C-alpha atoms as a PDB file:
ATOM      1  CA  MET A   1       0.023  -0.007  -0.042  1.00  0.00           C
ATOM      2  CA  THR A   2       1.323   3.458  -0.871  1.00  0.00           C
ATOM      3  CA  THR A   3       1.987   6.118   1.636  1.00  0.00           C
ATOM      4  CA  ALA A   4      -0.783   8.202   0.186  1.00  0.00           C
ATOM      5  CA  ALA A   5      -3.313   5.391   0.614  1.00  0.00           C
ATOM      6  CA  GLU A   6      -2.157   4.968   4.190  1.00  0.00           C
ATOM      7  CA  ALA A   7      -2.480   8.715   4.804  1.00  0.00           C
ATOM      8  CA  ALA A   8      -6.050   8.681   3.375  1.00  0.00           C
ATOM      9  CA  ILE A   9      -6.951   5.725   5.597  1.00  0.00           C
ATOM     10  CA  GLU A  10      -5.542   7.506   8.676  1.00  0.00           C
ATOM     11  CA  LEU A  11      -7.420  10.702   7.705  1.00  0.00           C
ATOM     12  CA  HIS A  12     -10.591   8.566   7.365  1.00  0.00           C
ATOM     13  CA  VAL A  13     -10.062   7.018  10.782  1.00  0.00           C
ATOM     14  CA  GLN A  14      -9.407  10.347  12.446  1.00  0.00           C
ATOM     15  CA  ARG A  15     -12.490  11.820  10.713  1.00  0.00           C
ATOM     16  CA  LEU A  16     -14.618   9.001  12.234  1.00  0.00           C
ATOM     17  CA  ILE A  17     -13.068   9.542  15.664  1.00  0.00           C
ATOM     18  CA  GLY A  18     -13.362  13.280  15.740  1.00  0.00           C
ATOM     19  CA  GLY A  19     -16.450  13.930  13.740  1.00  0.00           C
ATOM     20  CA  HIS A  20     -18.685  10.891  14.345  1.00  0.00           C
ATOM     21  CA  GLY A  21     -17.787   9.818  17.851  1.00  0.00           C
ATOM     22  CA  LEU A  22     -16.262   6.343  17.308  1.00  0.00           C
ATOM     23  CA  ASP A  23     -13.402   5.059  19.392  1.00  0.00           C
ATOM     24  CA  GLU A  24     -10.183   4.255  17.541  1.00  0.00           C
ATOM     25  CA  PRO A  25     -10.384   0.443  17.391  1.00  0.00           C
ATOM     26  CA  THR A  26     -14.005   0.577  16.279  1.00  0.00           C
ATOM     27  CA  ALA A  27     -13.191   3.202  13.641  1.00  0.00           C
ATOM     28  CA  ARG A  28     -10.234   1.212  12.340  1.00  0.00           C
ATOM     29  CA  GLY A  29     -12.321  -2.057  12.182  1.00  0.00           C
ATOM     30  CA  ALA A  30     -15.186  -0.213  10.387  1.00  0.00           C
ATOM     31  CA  VAL A  31     -12.605   1.350   7.821  1.00  0.00           C
ATOM     32  CA  ASP A  32     -11.111  -2.106   7.206  1.00  0.00           C
ATOM     33  CA  ALA A  33     -14.568  -3.654   6.726  1.00  0.00           C
ATOM     34  CA  TYR A  34     -15.536  -0.858   4.341  1.00  0.00           C
ATOM     35  CA  ARG A  35     -12.399  -1.298   2.305  1.00  0.00           C
ATOM     36  CA  ARG A  36     -13.104  -5.113   1.983  1.00  0.00           C
ATOM     37  CA  GLY A  37     -16.711  -4.334   0.853  1.00  0.00           C
ATOM     38  CA  GLU A  38     -18.410  -5.597   3.885  1.00  0.00           C
ATOM     39  CA  ARG A  39     -21.444  -3.985   5.494  1.00  0.00           C
ATOM     40  CA  ASP A  40     -21.431  -3.603   9.256  1.00  0.00           C
ATOM     41  CA  GLU A  41     -23.410  -1.387  11.621  1.00  0.00           C
ATOM     42  CA  HIS A  42     -21.189   1.601  11.022  1.00  0.00           C
ATOM     43  CA  HIS A  43     -21.308   1.319   7.143  1.00  0.00           C
ATOM     44  CA  ASP A  44     -23.390   4.537   6.546  1.00  0.00           C
ATOM     45  CA  VAL A  45     -21.270   6.598   8.833  1.00  0.00           C
ATOM     46  CA  VAL A  46     -18.049   5.210   7.275  1.00  0.00           C
ATOM     47  CA  HIS A  47     -19.315   5.831   3.793  1.00  0.00           C
ATOM     48  CA  ARG A  48     -20.188   9.448   4.586  1.00  0.00           C
ATOM     49  CA  ALA A  49     -16.851   9.978   6.137  1.00  0.00           C
ATOM     50  CA  ALA A  50     -15.124   8.469   3.076  1.00  0.00           C
ATOM     51  CA  LEU A  51     -17.000  10.902   0.824  1.00  0.00           C
ATOM     52  CA  GLU A  52     -15.963  13.768   3.122  1.00  0.00           C
ATOM     53  CA  VAL A  53     -12.362  12.692   2.947  1.00  0.00           C
ATOM     54  CA  LEU A  54     -12.406  12.227  -0.785  1.00  0.00           C
ATOM     55  CA  ALA A  55     -13.994  15.653  -1.296  1.00  0.00           C
ATOM     56  CA  GLU A  56     -11.274  17.157   0.989  1.00  0.00           C
ATOM     57  CA  LEU A  57      -8.497  15.490  -0.871  1.00  0.00           C
ATOM     58  CA  GLN A  58      -9.899  16.406  -4.340  1.00  0.00           C
ATOM     59  CA  GLY A  59     -10.193  19.994  -3.117  1.00  0.00           C
ATOM     60  CA  HIS A  60      -6.560  20.086  -2.123  1.00  0.00           C
ATOM     61  CA  SER A  61      -5.524  18.407  -5.405  1.00  0.00           C
ATOM     62  CA  VAL A  62      -7.591  21.019  -7.414  1.00  0.00           C
ATOM     63  CA  GLU A  63      -6.129  23.883  -5.398  1.00  0.00           C
ATOM     64  CA  ALA A  64      -2.611  22.607  -5.895  1.00  0.00           C
ATOM     65  CA  LEU A  65      -3.261  22.086  -9.667  1.00  0.00           C
ATOM     66  CA  LEU A  66      -4.665  25.631 -10.007  1.00  0.00           C
ATOM     67  CA  ALA A  67      -1.765  27.130  -8.176  1.00  0.00           C
ATOM     68  CA  ALA A  68       0.653  25.318 -10.311  1.00  0.00           C
ATOM     69  CA  LEU A  69      -1.086  26.370 -13.512  1.00  0.00           C
ATOM     70  CA  ARG A  70      -1.309  30.007 -12.381  1.00  0.00           C
ATOM     71  CA  THR A  71       2.555  30.039 -11.677  1.00  0.00           C
ATOM     72  CA  VAL A  72       3.255  28.537 -15.090  1.00  0.00           C
ATOM     73  CA  ALA A  73       1.038  30.960 -16.859  1.00  0.00           C
ATOM     74  CA  GLU A  74       2.549  33.952 -14.977  1.00  0.00           C
ATOM     75  CA  ARG A  75       6.042  32.747 -15.869  1.00  0.00           C
ATOM     76  CA  CYS A  76       5.139  32.197 -19.522  1.00  0.00           C
ATOM     77  CA  PHE A  77       3.547  35.635 -19.815  1.00  0.00           C
ATOM     78  CA  ALA A  78       6.514  37.220 -18.155  1.00  0.00           C
ATOM     79  CA  ALA A  79       8.840  35.446 -20.679  1.00  0.00           C
ATOM     80  CA  LEU A  80       6.676  36.553 -23.612  1.00  0.00           C
ATOM     81  CA  ARG A  81       6.050  40.106 -22.507  1.00  0.00           C
ATOM     82  CA  PRO A  82       9.256  41.555 -24.006  1.00  0.00           C
ATOM     83  CA  ILE A  83       8.657  39.702 -27.287  1.00  0.00           C
ATOM     84  CA  LEU A  84       4.955  40.966 -27.442  1.00  0.00           C
ATOM     85  CA  GLU A  85       5.983  44.550 -26.669  1.00  0.00           C
ATOM     86  CA  THR A  86       8.596  44.626 -29.435  1.00  0.00           C
ATOM     87  CA  SER A  87       6.811  42.721 -32.129  1.00  0.00           C
ATOM     88  CA  THR A  88       3.212  43.855 -32.224  1.00  0.00           C
ATOM     89  CA  ALA A  89       2.002  46.763 -34.250  1.00  0.00           C
ATOM     90  CA  VAL A  90       0.900  49.471 -31.814  1.00  0.00           C
ATOM     91  CA  HIS A  91      -2.205  51.397 -32.849  1.00  0.00           C
ATOM     92  CA  PRO A  92      -3.308  54.701 -31.236  1.00  0.00           C
ATOM     93  CA  GLU A  93      -6.290  52.887 -29.645  1.00  0.00           C
ATOM     94  CA  ALA A  94      -4.262  49.856 -28.549  1.00  0.00           C
ATOM     95  CA  GLU A  95      -3.840  48.708 -25.087  1.00  0.00           C
ATOM     96  CA  PRO A  96      -0.370  49.259 -23.359  1.00  0.00           C
ATOM     97  CA  LEU A  97       0.817  45.948 -24.543  1.00  0.00           C
ATOM     98  CA  GLY A  98      -0.239  46.531 -28.140  1.00  0.00           C
ATOM     99  CA  THR A  99      -2.589  44.584 -30.381  1.00  0.00           C
ATOM    100  CA  VAL A 100      -1.955  42.396 -33.353  1.00  0.00           C
ATOM    101  CA  PRO A 101      -3.815  43.630 -36.463  1.00  0.00           C
ATOM    102  CA  VAL A 102      -6.544  41.494 -37.913  1.00  0.00           C
ATOM    103  CA  VAL A 103      -5.356  39.771 -41.006  1.00  0.00           C
ATOM    104  CA  ASP A 104      -7.786  39.079 -43.801  1.00  0.00           C
ATOM    105  CA  PHE A 105      -7.273  35.615 -45.042  1.00  0.00           C
ATOM    106  CA  GLU A 106      -8.068  34.617 -48.612  1.00  0.00           C
ATOM    107  CA  GLN A 107     -11.056  32.253 -48.815  1.00  0.00           C
ATOM    108  CA  PRO A 108      -9.936  28.780 -49.785  1.00  0.00           C
ATOM    109  CA  ALA A 109     -10.356  28.028 -53.507  1.00  0.00           C
ATOM    110  CA  ALA A 110     -13.404  26.109 -54.533  1.00  0.00           C
ATOM    111  CA  PRO A 111     -12.841  22.333 -54.673  1.00  0.00           C
ATOM    112  CA  ARG A 112     -11.904  21.093 -58.182  1.00  0.00           C
ATOM    113  CA  ALA A 113     -14.652  19.666 -60.215  1.00  0.00           C
ATOM    114  CA  ARG A 114     -14.468  15.834 -60.517  1.00  0.00           C
ATOM    115  CA  PRO A 115     -13.188  14.687 -63.970  1.00  0.00           C
ATOM    116  CA  VAL A 116     -15.715  13.595 -66.448  1.00  0.00           C
ATOM    117  CA  ARG A 117     -15.717   9.688 -66.361  1.00  0.00           C
ATOM    118  CA  ARG A 118     -16.103   7.807 -69.569  1.00  0.00           C
ATOM    119  CA  ARG A 119     -17.250   4.580 -67.891  1.00  0.00           C
ATOM    120  CA  PRO A 120     -20.040   3.604 -65.484  1.00  0.00           C
ATOM    121  CA  SER A 121     -19.184   3.795 -61.828  1.00  0.00           C
ATOM    122  CA  TRP A 122     -19.620  -0.043 -61.518  1.00  0.00           C
ATOM    123  CA  GLN A 123     -17.082  -0.738 -64.281  1.00  0.00           C
ATOM    124  CA  SER A 124     -13.469  -1.364 -63.288  1.00  0.00           C
ATOM    125  CA  PRO A 125     -10.870   1.146 -64.510  1.00  0.00           C
ATOM    126  CA  TYR A 126      -8.516  -1.752 -65.188  1.00  0.00           C
ATOM    127  CA  GLY A 127     -10.706  -3.441 -67.791  1.00  0.00           C
ATOM    128  CA  PRO A 128     -12.572  -6.788 -67.617  1.00  0.00           C
ATOM    129  CA  PRO A 129     -11.055  -9.450 -65.423  1.00  0.00           C
ATOM    130  CA  PRO A 130      -8.897 -12.033 -67.246  1.00  0.00           C
ATOM    131  CA  ARG A 131     -10.723 -15.240 -68.371  1.00  0.00           C
ATOM    132  CA  ARG A 132      -9.561 -18.707 -67.611  1.00  0.00           C
ATOM    133  CA  PRO A 133      -9.100 -20.963 -70.493  1.00  0.00           C
ATOM    134  CA  ARG A 134     -11.929 -23.416 -70.934  1.00  0.00           C
ATOM    135  CA  GLY A 135     -11.525 -27.003 -71.533  1.00  0.00           C
ATOM    136  CA  ARG A 136      -9.493 -28.311 -68.757  1.00  0.00           C
END
């Protein structure tokens, strides 16, 4: 078992002891039974506590992920800022960083017309299949 799983189990047990009034041996036994998929008299309380622990852990994970993404975005923008300041066309109504002018792209050419076929669609372009000699 990984240390993260052990920490989650310990958090689960502590949540049962502190929040739901179970003593430690009862809480550990109820968590072990819950992990094995068995139902005992504390199943509903253990299930609620498991959902609370899971929500708390997911909240911490999301917060850590958002903080990491925010840091990466700030560093990327800080690295790109000098490039953007020197390479964009600055217009009188532009923001301090400047704006990139809108480029009108040409419309793609119309698709080519299919060539006129001189044979029906069911006919092979390679001619008729070879015939086997008759007689043998």
